[in-house]
Protein backbone atom coordinates (compact mmCIF):
# COMPACT_ATOMS: atom_id res chain seq x y z
CA MET A 1 -7.34 1.39 -25.88
CA LEU A 2 -6.30 2.98 -22.69
CA ASN A 3 -9.85 3.33 -21.53
CA LYS A 4 -10.65 -0.23 -22.19
CA ASN A 5 -7.35 -1.22 -20.02
CA MET A 6 -8.45 1.07 -17.34
CA LEU A 7 -11.86 -0.53 -17.33
CA MET A 8 -10.49 -3.99 -17.00
CA ILE A 9 -7.93 -2.98 -14.21
CA GLY A 10 -10.95 -1.62 -12.38
CA THR A 11 -12.82 -4.60 -12.84
CA VAL A 12 -10.12 -6.86 -11.67
CA LEU A 13 -9.37 -4.71 -8.44
CA MET A 14 -13.11 -4.54 -7.78
CA SER A 15 -13.34 -8.26 -8.06
CA VAL A 16 -10.52 -8.56 -5.51
CA SER A 17 -12.23 -6.36 -2.96
CA VAL A 18 -15.66 -8.22 -3.54
CA MET A 19 -14.39 -11.53 -3.29
CA ALA A 20 -12.20 -11.02 -0.12
CA PRO A 21 -15.08 -10.83 2.51
CA ALA A 22 -16.40 -14.05 1.07
CA TYR A 23 -13.55 -15.89 2.65
CA ALA A 24 -13.67 -14.00 5.92
CA GLY A 25 -15.03 -15.64 9.29
CA SER A 26 -14.83 -19.41 8.06
CA ASP A 27 -14.51 -21.94 10.67
CA SER A 28 -11.51 -24.42 11.02
CA SER A 29 -13.47 -27.28 9.18
CA ASP A 30 -13.31 -25.64 5.99
CA THR A 31 -10.22 -23.85 6.08
CA MET A 32 -8.63 -26.14 3.48
CA ALA A 33 -11.43 -25.50 1.09
CA THR A 34 -11.35 -21.80 1.76
CA ASP A 35 -7.40 -21.63 1.23
CA ASP A 36 -7.91 -23.38 -1.99
CA ALA A 37 -10.51 -21.22 -3.20
CA VAL A 38 -8.51 -17.94 -2.13
CA LYS A 39 -5.53 -19.56 -4.06
CA SER A 40 -7.82 -20.27 -7.12
CA ASP A 41 -9.11 -16.46 -7.02
CA VAL A 42 -5.51 -15.27 -6.88
CA ASN A 43 -4.37 -17.37 -9.79
CA GLU A 44 -7.51 -16.33 -11.98
CA LEU A 45 -6.56 -12.41 -10.98
CA GLY A 46 -3.04 -13.06 -12.00
CA ASN A 47 -4.29 -14.36 -15.43
CA GLU A 48 -6.39 -11.58 -15.75
CA ILE A 49 -3.58 -9.13 -14.92
CA ALA A 50 -1.30 -10.96 -17.35
CA ALA A 51 -3.71 -10.43 -20.23
CA GLN A 52 -3.75 -6.78 -19.40
CA TYR A 53 -0.03 -6.62 -19.34
CA GLU A 54 -0.02 -8.42 -22.73
CA GLU A 55 -2.10 -5.68 -24.25
CA ALA A 56 0.12 -2.97 -22.69
CA LYS A 57 3.05 -4.32 -24.40
CA ASP A 58 1.27 -3.49 -27.71
CA PHE A 59 1.70 0.28 -27.05
CA THR A 60 3.80 1.86 -29.78
CA PHE A 61 6.55 4.70 -29.32
CA GLU A 62 3.99 6.85 -30.77
CA GLN A 63 1.55 6.02 -27.99
CA LYS A 64 4.25 6.58 -25.40
CA GLU A 65 2.15 9.29 -23.47
CA ASP A 66 -0.78 6.80 -23.25
CA PHE A 67 1.54 3.94 -21.90
CA LEU A 68 2.76 6.51 -19.32
CA ALA A 69 -0.61 7.37 -18.29
CA TRP A 70 -1.75 3.81 -18.00
CA VAL A 71 1.49 2.84 -15.97
CA ASP A 72 0.70 5.75 -13.68
CA ALA A 73 -2.79 4.71 -13.23
CA LYS A 74 -1.89 1.01 -12.66
CA SER A 75 0.93 2.22 -10.00
CA LYS A 76 -1.71 4.28 -8.22
CA GLN A 77 -4.12 1.31 -8.13
CA LEU A 78 -1.42 -1.18 -6.91
CA GLY A 79 -0.67 1.62 -4.17
CA GLU A 80 -4.37 1.48 -3.12
CA GLN A 81 -4.39 -2.38 -3.14
CA TYR A 82 -1.32 -2.43 -1.17
CA ASP A 83 -2.87 -0.26 1.54
CA GLU A 84 -5.81 -2.45 1.69
CA VAL A 85 -3.93 -5.74 1.91
CA SER A 86 -1.55 -4.29 4.34
CA ALA A 87 -4.39 -3.29 6.60
CA GLU A 88 -5.72 -7.09 6.45
CA VAL A 89 -2.33 -8.24 6.96
CA LYS A 90 -1.80 -6.22 10.05
CA ASP A 91 -4.08 -8.17 12.15
CA ASP A 92 -2.17 -11.30 11.50
CA SER A 93 1.39 -10.52 12.45
CA GLU A 94 3.99 -8.04 12.82
CA ASP A 95 6.37 -10.24 10.66
CA ALA A 96 3.82 -10.38 7.82
CA VAL A 97 3.56 -6.61 7.69
CA GLU A 98 7.18 -6.11 7.55
CA GLU A 99 7.81 -8.74 4.94
CA MET A 100 5.09 -7.26 2.73
CA ALA A 101 6.40 -3.65 3.30
CA GLU A 102 10.04 -4.89 2.15
CA ALA A 103 8.53 -6.64 -0.95
CA TRP A 104 6.54 -3.64 -1.80
CA ASP A 105 9.07 -1.06 -1.08
CA SER A 106 11.65 -2.88 -3.23
CA ALA A 107 8.97 -3.31 -6.15
CA SER A 108 7.80 0.23 -5.79
CA ASP A 109 11.30 1.48 -6.18
CA GLU A 110 11.90 -0.73 -9.20
CA LEU A 111 8.62 0.60 -10.67
CA SER A 112 9.66 4.27 -10.19
CA ASP A 113 12.90 3.73 -11.79
CA ALA A 114 11.21 1.96 -14.67
CA LEU A 115 8.76 4.68 -15.11
CA GLU A 116 11.51 7.25 -15.06
CA ASN A 117 13.30 5.29 -17.85
CA ALA A 118 10.05 5.09 -20.00
CA LYS A 119 9.84 8.78 -19.86
CA GLU A 120 13.23 9.11 -21.19
CA ALA A 121 12.90 6.32 -23.71
CA SER A 122 13.87 6.95 -27.31
CA ALA A 123 12.33 5.13 -30.40
CA GLU A 124 15.40 2.71 -30.26
CA THR A 125 15.05 1.76 -26.60
CA TRP A 126 11.27 1.90 -26.50
CA GLU A 127 10.50 -1.90 -26.63
CA ASP A 128 13.18 -2.83 -23.92
CA VAL A 129 12.28 0.02 -21.61
CA LYS A 130 8.45 -0.81 -22.18
CA ALA A 131 9.09 -4.42 -21.36
CA ASN A 132 11.07 -3.36 -18.13
CA THR A 133 8.21 -1.21 -17.14
CA VAL A 134 5.72 -3.81 -17.54
CA ASN A 135 7.84 -6.23 -15.70
CA ALA A 136 8.19 -3.84 -12.63
CA LEU A 137 4.39 -3.72 -12.79
CA GLU A 138 4.12 -7.46 -12.54
CA ASP A 139 6.77 -7.39 -9.90
CA ALA A 140 4.68 -4.98 -7.94
CA GLN A 141 1.44 -6.81 -8.35
CA LYS A 142 3.42 -10.03 -7.42
CA ALA A 143 4.60 -8.32 -4.05
CA ILE A 144 0.75 -8.08 -3.12
CA SER A 145 -0.45 -11.29 -4.56
CA ASP A 146 2.30 -13.13 -2.54
CA THR A 147 1.21 -11.89 0.55
CA GLN A 148 -2.33 -12.64 -0.21
CA THR A 149 -1.65 -16.18 -0.91
CA ALA A 150 0.54 -16.74 1.91
CA GLU A 151 -2.17 -16.11 4.61
């Protein structure tokens, strides 16, 4: 199950990196169409990620170590995605960079706390802790995705 999730995550992230250049360099006459296409791609990406998180919710307490490994890998991928997006936003404006950095820092702190709680979870607290961890991952992804759609 973990390998399938990792493959799906990799596929999603690669699709973002492949699709982004397709929207670069458009002229102003088709800006609206391009913006709509970018928003559509981000929405599609969000749906794929939501499906992956739904699968992550199926981890049992007995699969806690697999879940922690999945969260750790996803966190690293989100960090890489943040670095890529922040490099793109850097050219837009200093305010955009600061806004994204604040959102990412907050989401990243929330994710770190959730991961620590997941490591310490007992069988009785597992479902709540797991849900909080998945929500923290979603918030971290949203911090990056919101910046992409705001451009």
